[in-house]
Amino acid sequence: MEFPYGKITPALPQGCIPYEQWPEFKLEALPQPFCSPEAVGHSPKGVRWSFWPLTFEEYVSDQEPDLSASDPHGTARYRFIMWQRITHTDRPKGWWRLSRTPSRIEGFAHIYPGVYWRHWSKDARQKRKKWLTEILNKTYTTRTATFAEFEEAYKKSTVARSTLRESIKIAQQMEAVSPGAVTYKVAERMSDGVIKAGFAYIDSDHTQSSYYTVGFYHKDTQNVPLMVGLIDTWYRDKQTQGYRFLHMGQFWFPAKPRAWKGFSTFKAKFGLFYISYPPRLWRFARGKVF
């Protein structure tokens, strides 16, 4: 399979934990609220939601989920269970694979001590320099915004139009489940206080990691390196806090929507390594599973 952004790494480095297993990440924020999502299980934790009489569960971990722990009383009549492994490719008994295509490819960054940008592309380093010397605190400044401010500016962006506003849904639903879990950094034009770009992320002090959820910029600023500036702020702040990893989310490959390509190309400039998640496994169960 062709992957245009870099070499696929066979394993996560020690201490790098997928955000789905962070204590701070609320999995019940991922499904739509109308299907009554709830966190279930432990080691790994998962999420369950229902369309009566069907119940669905999903886990992201190399450790096989304990299905008795997620429904100990057998209240779910018909259970469709999805297990997304990270690097393991075996298929334990009772699980089925419906595809041989990787389910997703995720990008991650180490936060190196000292000059954290030394692994960035030449273009990203040059734009960072321009941001710091010509733009920051001269024509634009950065600050932490509220979700309402972030959302209002996002609606006017190219990202909102190209993705039909899908990319902000995790932040929206996370706000409903766990207010304050998402941080919203924005680039604000100093002349009129208008927000022209934004970048949202979720932190995990427990794992010393941070996860990008959504970013945007306005079309009239496409030649101003606002997003590079926001990502530089993210790197710098997390380095100061002693964090180890940044999670850049999913990247485009031929099985994914073409709308992902532009931002995937942009994110790939920041010195990442990549993990190809194996095909999702499925299992069907009725009632209790012991």
C-alpha atoms as a PDB file:
ATOM      1  CA  MET A   1       0.000   0.000   0.000  1.00  0.00           C
ATOM      2  CA  GLU A   2       1.293   3.445  -0.934  1.00  0.00           C
ATOM      3  CA  PHE A   3       1.744   5.876   1.962  1.00  0.00           C
ATOM      4  CA  PRO A   4       3.120   9.218   0.776  1.00  0.00           C
ATOM      5  CA  TYR A   5       4.124  10.846   4.064  1.00  0.00           C
ATOM      6  CA  GLY A   6       6.880   8.713   5.535  1.00  0.00           C
ATOM      7  CA  LYS A   7       8.012   5.338   6.778  1.00  0.00           C
ATOM      8  CA  ILE A   8       5.615   3.176   8.781  1.00  0.00           C
ATOM      9  CA  THR A   9       7.009   2.301  12.228  1.00  0.00           C
ATOM     10  CA  PRO A  10       6.352  -1.307  13.367  1.00  0.00           C
ATOM     11  CA  ALA A  11       5.681  -0.481  17.024  1.00  0.00           C
ATOM     12  CA  LEU A  12       4.869   2.385  19.343  1.00  0.00           C
ATOM     13  CA  PRO A  13       7.811   3.551  21.452  1.00  0.00           C
ATOM     14  CA  GLN A  14       7.733   2.785  25.146  1.00  0.00           C
ATOM     15  CA  GLY A  15       5.356   5.075  26.974  1.00  0.00           C
ATOM     16  CA  CYS A  16       3.372   6.130  23.908  1.00  0.00           C
ATOM     17  CA  ILE A  17      -0.239   5.171  24.648  1.00  0.00           C
ATOM     18  CA  PRO A  18      -3.164   5.612  22.222  1.00  0.00           C
ATOM     19  CA  TYR A  19      -5.471   8.409  23.329  1.00  0.00           C
ATOM     20  CA  GLU A  20      -8.422   5.995  23.521  1.00  0.00           C
ATOM     21  CA  GLN A  21      -6.805   4.511  26.629  1.00  0.00           C
ATOM     22  CA  TRP A  22      -6.001   7.783  28.401  1.00  0.00           C
ATOM     23  CA  PRO A  23      -7.853   8.392  31.663  1.00  0.00           C
ATOM     24  CA  GLU A  24      -8.541  11.928  30.428  1.00  0.00           C
ATOM     25  CA  PHE A  25     -10.096  10.863  27.109  1.00  0.00           C
ATOM     26  CA  LYS A  26     -13.823  10.177  27.369  1.00  0.00           C
ATOM     27  CA  LEU A  27     -14.665   7.464  24.840  1.00  0.00           C
ATOM     28  CA  GLU A  28     -18.373   8.032  25.344  1.00  0.00           C
ATOM     29  CA  ALA A  29     -17.897  11.332  23.492  1.00  0.00           C
ATOM     30  CA  LEU A  30     -17.171   9.524  20.211  1.00  0.00           C
ATOM     31  CA  PRO A  31     -20.554   7.994  19.235  1.00  0.00           C
ATOM     32  CA  GLN A  32     -23.569  10.179  18.567  1.00  0.00           C
ATOM     33  CA  PRO A  33     -25.329  11.210  21.821  1.00  0.00           C
ATOM     34  CA  PHE A  34     -28.739   9.903  20.719  1.00  0.00           C
ATOM     35  CA  CYS A  35     -27.523   6.280  20.918  1.00  0.00           C
ATOM     36  CA  SER A  36     -26.783   6.497  24.684  1.00  0.00           C
ATOM     37  CA  PRO A  37     -23.010   5.874  24.610  1.00  0.00           C
ATOM     38  CA  GLU A  38     -21.280   4.757  27.807  1.00  0.00           C
ATOM     39  CA  ALA A  39     -17.767   3.787  28.836  1.00  0.00           C
ATOM     40  CA  VAL A  40     -17.401   0.072  29.544  1.00  0.00           C
ATOM     41  CA  GLY A  41     -14.734  -2.454  30.478  1.00  0.00           C
ATOM     42  CA  HIS A  42     -11.269  -1.944  31.875  1.00  0.00           C
ATOM     43  CA  SER A  43      -7.747  -2.754  30.668  1.00  0.00           C
ATOM     44  CA  PRO A  44      -8.674  -1.954  27.948  1.00  0.00           C
ATOM     45  CA  LYS A  45     -11.598   0.370  28.394  1.00  0.00           C
ATOM     46  CA  GLY A  46     -14.092   0.656  25.571  1.00  0.00           C
ATOM     47  CA  VAL A  47     -17.309   2.330  24.584  1.00  0.00           C
ATOM     48  CA  ARG A  48     -20.785   0.902  24.080  1.00  0.00           C
ATOM     49  CA  TRP A  49     -23.843   2.346  22.325  1.00  0.00           C
ATOM     50  CA  SER A  50     -27.209   0.953  21.287  1.00  0.00           C
ATOM     51  CA  PHE A  51     -29.829   0.880  18.560  1.00  0.00           C
ATOM     52  CA  TRP A  52     -32.414  -1.349  20.163  1.00  0.00           C
ATOM     53  CA  PRO A  53     -32.225  -4.345  20.127  1.00  0.00           C
ATOM     54  CA  LEU A  54     -28.600  -4.141  18.905  1.00  0.00           C
ATOM     55  CA  THR A  55     -25.656  -3.126  21.064  1.00  0.00           C
ATOM     56  CA  PHE A  56     -22.264  -2.124  19.687  1.00  0.00           C
ATOM     57  CA  GLU A  57     -18.913  -2.033  21.492  1.00  0.00           C
ATOM     58  CA  GLU A  58     -15.522  -0.786  20.373  1.00  0.00           C
ATOM     59  CA  TYR A  59     -12.022  -1.127  21.859  1.00  0.00           C
ATOM     60  CA  VAL A  60      -8.667   0.277  20.706  1.00  0.00           C
ATOM     61  CA  SER A  61      -5.811  -1.673  22.245  1.00  0.00           C
ATOM     62  CA  ASP A  62      -3.368  -4.468  21.533  1.00  0.00           C
ATOM     63  CA  GLN A  63      -4.806  -6.222  24.596  1.00  0.00           C
ATOM     64  CA  GLU A  64      -7.858  -8.381  23.882  1.00  0.00           C
ATOM     65  CA  PRO A  65     -10.933  -6.926  25.615  1.00  0.00           C
ATOM     66  CA  ASP A  66     -12.593  -8.857  28.430  1.00  0.00           C
ATOM     67  CA  LEU A  67     -16.156  -9.054  27.142  1.00  0.00           C
ATOM     68  CA  SER A  68     -17.551 -10.301  30.424  1.00  0.00           C
ATOM     69  CA  ALA A  69     -16.351  -7.102  32.125  1.00  0.00           C
ATOM     70  CA  SER A  70     -18.270  -4.848  29.729  1.00  0.00           C
ATOM     71  CA  ASP A  71     -21.611  -6.627  30.245  1.00  0.00           C
ATOM     72  CA  PRO A  72     -21.392  -8.722  33.447  1.00  0.00           C
ATOM     73  CA  HIS A  73     -25.165  -9.167  33.798  1.00  0.00           C
ATOM     74  CA  GLY A  74     -25.910 -10.011  30.200  1.00  0.00           C
ATOM     75  CA  THR A  75     -28.223  -7.044  29.669  1.00  0.00           C
ATOM     76  CA  ALA A  76     -27.118  -6.595  26.041  1.00  0.00           C
ATOM     77  CA  ARG A  77     -29.126  -9.056  23.967  1.00  0.00           C
ATOM     78  CA  TYR A  78     -27.278  -8.846  20.642  1.00  0.00           C
ATOM     79  CA  ARG A  79     -23.711  -7.546  20.829  1.00  0.00           C
ATOM     80  CA  PHE A  80     -21.542  -6.521  17.898  1.00  0.00           C
ATOM     81  CA  ILE A  81     -18.005  -6.001  19.197  1.00  0.00           C
ATOM     82  CA  MET A  82     -15.233  -4.193  17.301  1.00  0.00           C
ATOM     83  CA  TRP A  83     -11.630  -4.547  18.360  1.00  0.00           C
ATOM     84  CA  GLN A  84      -9.084  -2.214  16.823  1.00  0.00           C
ATOM     85  CA  ARG A  85      -5.551  -3.397  17.437  1.00  0.00           C
ATOM     86  CA  ILE A  86      -2.622  -0.995  17.143  1.00  0.00           C
ATOM     87  CA  THR A  87       0.372  -3.072  16.066  1.00  0.00           C
ATOM     88  CA  HIS A  88      -0.596  -6.703  16.700  1.00  0.00           C
ATOM     89  CA  THR A  89      -1.698  -8.622  13.608  1.00  0.00           C
ATOM     90  CA  ASP A  90      -2.750 -11.968  15.097  1.00  0.00           C
ATOM     91  CA  ARG A  91      -6.420 -13.027  15.113  1.00  0.00           C
ATOM     92  CA  PRO A  92      -7.411 -14.753  18.368  1.00  0.00           C
ATOM     93  CA  LYS A  93     -10.088 -17.433  18.349  1.00  0.00           C
ATOM     94  CA  GLY A  94     -13.620 -16.100  18.073  1.00  0.00           C
ATOM     95  CA  TRP A  95     -12.693 -12.908  16.199  1.00  0.00           C
ATOM     96  CA  TRP A  96     -13.269 -12.249  12.489  1.00  0.00           C
ATOM     97  CA  ARG A  97     -11.596  -9.929  10.018  1.00  0.00           C
ATOM     98  CA  LEU A  98     -13.757  -8.427   7.275  1.00  0.00           C
ATOM     99  CA  SER A  99     -10.972  -6.598   5.402  1.00  0.00           C
ATOM    100  CA  ARG A 100      -7.238  -6.778   4.807  1.00  0.00           C
ATOM    101  CA  THR A 101      -6.846  -3.008   4.411  1.00  0.00           C
ATOM    102  CA  PRO A 102      -5.362  -1.067   7.361  1.00  0.00           C
ATOM    103  CA  SER A 103      -8.154   0.633   9.238  1.00  0.00           C
ATOM    104  CA  ARG A 104      -6.165   3.850   9.697  1.00  0.00           C
ATOM    105  CA  ILE A 105      -2.687   5.356   9.839  1.00  0.00           C
ATOM    106  CA  GLU A 106      -1.861   7.659  12.741  1.00  0.00           C
ATOM    107  CA  GLY A 107       0.988  10.132  13.074  1.00  0.00           C
ATOM    108  CA  PHE A 108       2.910  10.801  16.291  1.00  0.00           C
ATOM    109  CA  ALA A 109       5.759  13.084  17.313  1.00  0.00           C
ATOM    110  CA  HIS A 110       8.399  12.809  20.005  1.00  0.00           C
ATOM    111  CA  ILE A 111       8.926  16.043  21.908  1.00  0.00           C
ATOM    112  CA  TYR A 112      12.693  16.300  21.891  1.00  0.00           C
ATOM    113  CA  PRO A 113      14.543  18.344  24.495  1.00  0.00           C
ATOM    114  CA  GLY A 114      16.122  21.565  23.346  1.00  0.00           C
ATOM    115  CA  VAL A 115      15.534  22.363  19.688  1.00  0.00           C
ATOM    116  CA  TYR A 116      12.252  20.492  19.213  1.00  0.00           C
ATOM    117  CA  TRP A 117      11.831  21.762  15.637  1.00  0.00           C
ATOM    118  CA  ARG A 118      15.070  20.291  14.323  1.00  0.00           C
ATOM    119  CA  HIS A 119      13.183  17.325  12.808  1.00  0.00           C
ATOM    120  CA  TRP A 120      10.645  19.522  11.011  1.00  0.00           C
ATOM    121  CA  SER A 121      10.776  19.987   7.250  1.00  0.00           C
ATOM    122  CA  LYS A 122      12.755  22.908   5.828  1.00  0.00           C
ATOM    123  CA  ASP A 123       9.505  24.610   4.811  1.00  0.00           C
ATOM    124  CA  ALA A 124       8.046  24.303   8.340  1.00  0.00           C
ATOM    125  CA  ARG A 125      11.249  25.639   9.927  1.00  0.00           C
ATOM    126  CA  GLN A 126      11.286  28.642   7.584  1.00  0.00           C
ATOM    127  CA  LYS A 127       7.633  29.426   8.287  1.00  0.00           C
ATOM    128  CA  ARG A 128       8.232  29.093  12.016  1.00  0.00           C
ATOM    129  CA  LYS A 129      11.032  31.666  11.737  1.00  0.00           C
ATOM    130  CA  LYS A 130       8.762  34.019   9.771  1.00  0.00           C
ATOM    131  CA  TRP A 131       6.009  33.568  12.366  1.00  0.00           C
ATOM    132  CA  LEU A 132       8.323  34.443  15.247  1.00  0.00           C
ATOM    133  CA  THR A 133      10.152  37.359  13.611  1.00  0.00           C
ATOM    134  CA  GLU A 134       7.482  39.014  11.441  1.00  0.00           C
ATOM    135  CA  ILE A 135       4.020  38.051  12.681  1.00  0.00           C
ATOM    136  CA  LEU A 136       3.731  37.067  16.344  1.00  0.00           C
ATOM    137  CA  ASN A 137       2.774  40.095  18.474  1.00  0.00           C
ATOM    138  CA  LYS A 138       3.135  42.356  15.408  1.00  0.00           C
ATOM    139  CA  THR A 139       0.044  41.541  13.348  1.00  0.00           C
ATOM    140  CA  TYR A 140      -1.296  38.438  15.136  1.00  0.00           C
ATOM    141  CA  THR A 141      -1.286  37.117  18.656  1.00  0.00           C
ATOM    142  CA  THR A 142      -2.289  33.767  20.129  1.00  0.00           C
ATOM    143  CA  ARG A 143      -4.539  33.049  23.075  1.00  0.00           C
ATOM    144  CA  THR A 144      -6.739  30.367  24.606  1.00  0.00           C
ATOM    145  CA  ALA A 145     -10.353  30.692  23.449  1.00  0.00           C
ATOM    146  CA  THR A 146     -13.690  29.304  24.535  1.00  0.00           C
ATOM    147  CA  PHE A 147     -15.398  26.590  22.536  1.00  0.00           C
ATOM    148  CA  ALA A 148     -18.053  29.086  21.393  1.00  0.00           C
ATOM    149  CA  GLU A 149     -15.383  31.452  20.021  1.00  0.00           C
ATOM    150  CA  PHE A 150     -13.536  28.593  18.367  1.00  0.00           C
ATOM    151  CA  GLU A 151     -16.679  27.145  16.788  1.00  0.00           C
ATOM    152  CA  GLU A 152     -17.839  30.502  15.409  1.00  0.00           C
ATOM    153  CA  ALA A 153     -14.500  31.076  13.674  1.00  0.00           C
ATOM    154  CA  TYR A 154     -14.326  27.440  12.513  1.00  0.00           C
ATOM    155  CA  LYS A 155     -17.655  27.779  10.687  1.00  0.00           C
ATOM    156  CA  LYS A 156     -16.114  30.411   8.408  1.00  0.00           C
ATOM    157  CA  SER A 157     -13.078  28.293   7.513  1.00  0.00           C
ATOM    158  CA  THR A 158     -12.122  26.244   4.478  1.00  0.00           C
ATOM    159  CA  VAL A 159     -12.006  23.130   6.668  1.00  0.00           C
ATOM    160  CA  ALA A 160     -15.652  23.463   7.664  1.00  0.00           C
ATOM    161  CA  ARG A 161     -16.728  23.730   4.035  1.00  0.00           C
ATOM    162  CA  SER A 162     -14.578  20.849   2.751  1.00  0.00           C
ATOM    163  CA  THR A 163     -15.526  18.389   5.517  1.00  0.00           C
ATOM    164  CA  LEU A 164     -19.154  19.478   6.048  1.00  0.00           C
ATOM    165  CA  ARG A 165     -18.134  20.445   9.617  1.00  0.00           C
ATOM    166  CA  GLU A 166     -17.371  16.802  10.484  1.00  0.00           C
ATOM    167  CA  SER A 167     -13.931  17.584  11.902  1.00  0.00           C
ATOM    168  CA  ILE A 168     -15.237  19.563  14.870  1.00  0.00           C
ATOM    169  CA  LYS A 169     -17.635  16.885  16.124  1.00  0.00           C
ATOM    170  CA  ILE A 170     -15.206  15.229  18.553  1.00  0.00           C
ATOM    171  CA  ALA A 171     -14.612  18.586  20.245  1.00  0.00           C
ATOM    172  CA  GLN A 172     -18.357  19.322  20.336  1.00  0.00           C
ATOM    173  CA  GLN A 173     -19.233  15.978  21.890  1.00  0.00           C
ATOM    174  CA  MET A 174     -16.267  16.066  24.276  1.00  0.00           C
ATOM    175  CA  GLU A 175     -17.483  19.441  25.540  1.00  0.00           C
ATOM    176  CA  ALA A 176     -20.856  17.888  26.341  1.00  0.00           C
ATOM    177  CA  VAL A 177     -19.371  14.893  28.174  1.00  0.00           C
ATOM    178  CA  SER A 178     -16.339  16.511  29.817  1.00  0.00           C
ATOM    179  CA  PRO A 179     -16.410  20.340  29.759  1.00  0.00           C
ATOM    180  CA  GLY A 180     -12.924  21.804  29.801  1.00  0.00           C
ATOM    181  CA  ALA A 181     -11.183  18.686  28.487  1.00  0.00           C
ATOM    182  CA  VAL A 182     -10.314  20.376  25.182  1.00  0.00           C
ATOM    183  CA  THR A 183      -7.981  23.373  24.890  1.00  0.00           C
ATOM    184  CA  TYR A 184      -8.621  25.848  22.062  1.00  0.00           C
ATOM    185  CA  LYS A 185      -5.695  27.948  20.845  1.00  0.00           C
ATOM    186  CA  VAL A 186      -6.424  30.654  18.289  1.00  0.00           C
ATOM    187  CA  ALA A 187      -4.502  33.136  16.175  1.00  0.00           C
ATOM    188  CA  GLU A 188      -6.195  36.524  16.495  1.00  0.00           C
ATOM    189  CA  ARG A 189      -5.627  39.508  14.227  1.00  0.00           C
ATOM    190  CA  MET A 190      -4.477  42.390  16.390  1.00  0.00           C
ATOM    191  CA  SER A 191      -6.022  45.157  14.281  1.00  0.00           C
ATOM    192  CA  ASP A 192      -9.627  44.026  14.841  1.00  0.00           C
ATOM    193  CA  GLY A 193      -9.589  41.021  17.219  1.00  0.00           C
ATOM    194  CA  VAL A 194     -10.862  38.607  14.537  1.00  0.00           C
ATOM    195  CA  ILE A 195      -9.873  34.936  14.956  1.00  0.00           C
ATOM    196  CA  LYS A 196      -8.349  33.717  11.690  1.00  0.00           C
ATOM    197  CA  ALA A 197      -7.026  30.269  12.661  1.00  0.00           C
ATOM    198  CA  GLY A 198      -7.428  27.767  15.483  1.00  0.00           C
ATOM    199  CA  PHE A 199      -6.045  24.533  16.853  1.00  0.00           C
ATOM    200  CA  ALA A 200      -7.698  22.306  19.484  1.00  0.00           C
ATOM    201  CA  TYR A 201      -6.138  19.532  21.552  1.00  0.00           C
ATOM    202  CA  ILE A 202      -6.716  17.251  24.519  1.00  0.00           C
ATOM    203  CA  ASP A 203      -3.981  16.788  27.139  1.00  0.00           C
ATOM    204  CA  SER A 204      -3.116  13.769  29.244  1.00  0.00           C
ATOM    205  CA  ASP A 205      -0.939  14.529  32.251  1.00  0.00           C
ATOM    206  CA  HIS A 206      -1.117  10.827  33.100  1.00  0.00           C
ATOM    207  CA  THR A 207       0.628   9.760  29.870  1.00  0.00           C
ATOM    208  CA  GLN A 208       2.519  13.034  29.205  1.00  0.00           C
ATOM    209  CA  SER A 209       0.860  13.232  25.807  1.00  0.00           C
ATOM    210  CA  SER A 210      -1.381  15.601  23.866  1.00  0.00           C
ATOM    211  CA  TYR A 211      -3.822  14.814  21.022  1.00  0.00           C
ATOM    212  CA  TYR A 212      -4.750  17.155  18.178  1.00  0.00           C
ATOM    213  CA  THR A 213      -8.496  17.102  17.480  1.00  0.00           C
ATOM    214  CA  VAL A 214      -9.276  19.848  14.955  1.00  0.00           C
ATOM    215  CA  GLY A 215      -7.609  22.802  13.285  1.00  0.00           C
ATOM    216  CA  PHE A 216      -8.694  25.444  10.783  1.00  0.00           C
ATOM    217  CA  TYR A 217      -7.666  28.633   9.022  1.00  0.00           C
ATOM    218  CA  HIS A 218      -9.504  31.191   6.916  1.00  0.00           C
ATOM    219  CA  LYS A 219      -8.847  31.232   3.195  1.00  0.00           C
ATOM    220  CA  ASP A 220      -7.689  34.844   3.143  1.00  0.00           C
ATOM    221  CA  THR A 221      -4.745  33.920   5.415  1.00  0.00           C
ATOM    222  CA  GLN A 222      -3.492  30.933   3.433  1.00  0.00           C
ATOM    223  CA  ASN A 223      -0.148  32.672   2.788  1.00  0.00           C
ATOM    224  CA  VAL A 224       0.305  33.620   6.447  1.00  0.00           C
ATOM    225  CA  PRO A 225       1.831  30.771   8.543  1.00  0.00           C
ATOM    226  CA  LEU A 226      -0.781  30.935  11.298  1.00  0.00           C
ATOM    227  CA  MET A 227      -1.173  27.157  11.602  1.00  0.00           C
ATOM    228  CA  VAL A 228       2.597  26.682  11.808  1.00  0.00           C
ATOM    229  CA  GLY A 229       2.598  29.284  14.565  1.00  0.00           C
ATOM    230  CA  LEU A 230      -0.151  27.500  16.491  1.00  0.00           C
ATOM    231  CA  ILE A 231       1.582  24.146  16.173  1.00  0.00           C
ATOM    232  CA  ASP A 232       4.847  25.716  17.313  1.00  0.00           C
ATOM    233  CA  THR A 233       2.985  27.068  20.352  1.00  0.00           C
ATOM    234  CA  TRP A 234       1.626  23.565  21.017  1.00  0.00           C
ATOM    235  CA  TYR A 235       5.089  21.965  20.789  1.00  0.00           C
ATOM    236  CA  ARG A 236       6.676  24.639  22.965  1.00  0.00           C
ATOM    237  CA  ASP A 237       3.984  24.530  25.651  1.00  0.00           C
ATOM    238  CA  LYS A 238       4.036  20.735  25.866  1.00  0.00           C
ATOM    239  CA  GLN A 239       7.827  20.675  26.021  1.00  0.00           C
ATOM    240  CA  THR A 240       7.687  23.153  28.914  1.00  0.00           C
ATOM    241  CA  GLN A 241       5.178  20.900  30.694  1.00  0.00           C
ATOM    242  CA  GLY A 242       7.469  17.888  30.321  1.00  0.00           C
ATOM    243  CA  TYR A 243       5.261  16.040  27.841  1.00  0.00           C
ATOM    244  CA  ARG A 244       6.770  13.270  25.689  1.00  0.00           C
ATOM    245  CA  PHE A 245       4.429  12.679  22.736  1.00  0.00           C
ATOM    246  CA  LEU A 246       2.088  14.562  20.466  1.00  0.00           C
ATOM    247  CA  HIS A 247      -0.652  12.640  18.647  1.00  0.00           C
ATOM    248  CA  MET A 248      -1.427  14.152  15.247  1.00  0.00           C
ATOM    249  CA  GLY A 249      -4.425  11.952  14.456  1.00  0.00           C
ATOM    250  CA  GLN A 250      -5.269  10.132  11.253  1.00  0.00           C
ATOM    251  CA  PHE A 251      -3.520  10.585   7.908  1.00  0.00           C
ATOM    252  CA  TRP A 252      -4.745  10.115   4.390  1.00  0.00           C
ATOM    253  CA  PHE A 253      -3.995   6.983   2.380  1.00  0.00           C
ATOM    254  CA  PRO A 254      -5.822   5.673  -0.714  1.00  0.00           C
ATOM    255  CA  ALA A 255      -8.730   4.147   1.249  1.00  0.00           C
ATOM    256  CA  LYS A 256      -9.571   7.449   2.983  1.00  0.00           C
ATOM    257  CA  PRO A 257     -11.476  10.567   1.813  1.00  0.00           C
ATOM    258  CA  ARG A 258      -9.584  12.877  -0.546  1.00  0.00           C
ATOM    259  CA  ALA A 259     -10.579  15.835   1.654  1.00  0.00           C
ATOM    260  CA  TRP A 260      -7.994  14.594   4.174  1.00  0.00           C
ATOM    261  CA  LYS A 261      -5.040  14.973   1.790  1.00  0.00           C
ATOM    262  CA  GLY A 262      -4.305  18.668   2.204  1.00  0.00           C
ATOM    263  CA  PHE A 263      -4.090  18.734   5.983  1.00  0.00           C
ATOM    264  CA  SER A 264      -2.289  15.369   6.056  1.00  0.00           C
ATOM    265  CA  THR A 265       0.407  16.871   3.820  1.00  0.00           C
ATOM    266  CA  PHE A 266       0.644  19.855   6.177  1.00  0.00           C
ATOM    267  CA  LYS A 267       0.866  17.784   9.369  1.00  0.00           C
ATOM    268  CA  ALA A 268       3.568  15.570   7.837  1.00  0.00           C
ATOM    269  CA  LYS A 269       5.992  18.518   7.924  1.00  0.00           C
ATOM    270  CA  PHE A 270       6.481  18.249  11.686  1.00  0.00           C
ATOM    271  CA  GLY A 271       8.871  15.323  12.060  1.00  0.00           C
ATOM    272  CA  LEU A 272       6.425  12.481  12.705  1.00  0.00           C
ATOM    273  CA  PHE A 273       6.538   8.717  12.880  1.00  0.00           C
ATOM    274  CA  TYR A 274       3.575   6.658  11.671  1.00  0.00           C
ATOM    275  CA  ILE A 275       1.724   3.576  12.864  1.00  0.00           C
ATOM    276  CA  SER A 276      -0.471   1.571  10.484  1.00  0.00           C
ATOM    277  CA  TYR A 277      -3.374   0.130  12.481  1.00  0.00           C
ATOM    278  CA  PRO A 278      -4.289  -3.421  11.343  1.00  0.00           C
ATOM    279  CA  PRO A 279      -7.786  -4.215  10.053  1.00  0.00           C
ATOM    280  CA  ARG A 280     -10.484  -4.083  12.717  1.00  0.00           C
ATOM    281  CA  LEU A 281     -11.644  -7.415  14.168  1.00  0.00           C
ATOM    282  CA  TRP A 282     -15.307  -8.241  14.782  1.00  0.00           C
ATOM    283  CA  ARG A 283     -17.213 -10.550  17.058  1.00  0.00           C
ATOM    284  CA  PHE A 284     -20.899 -11.264  17.628  1.00  0.00           C
ATOM    285  CA  ALA A 285     -22.244 -12.397  20.983  1.00  0.00           C
ATOM    286  CA  ARG A 286     -25.638 -13.029  22.570  1.00  0.00           C
ATOM    287  CA  GLY A 287     -26.078 -12.282  26.251  1.00  0.00           C
ATOM    288  CA  LYS A 288     -23.306 -13.076  28.714  1.00  0.00           C
ATOM    289  CA  VAL A 289     -19.765 -13.826  27.533  1.00  0.00           C
ATOM    290  CA  PHE A 290     -17.563 -15.771  29.955  1.00  0.00           C
END
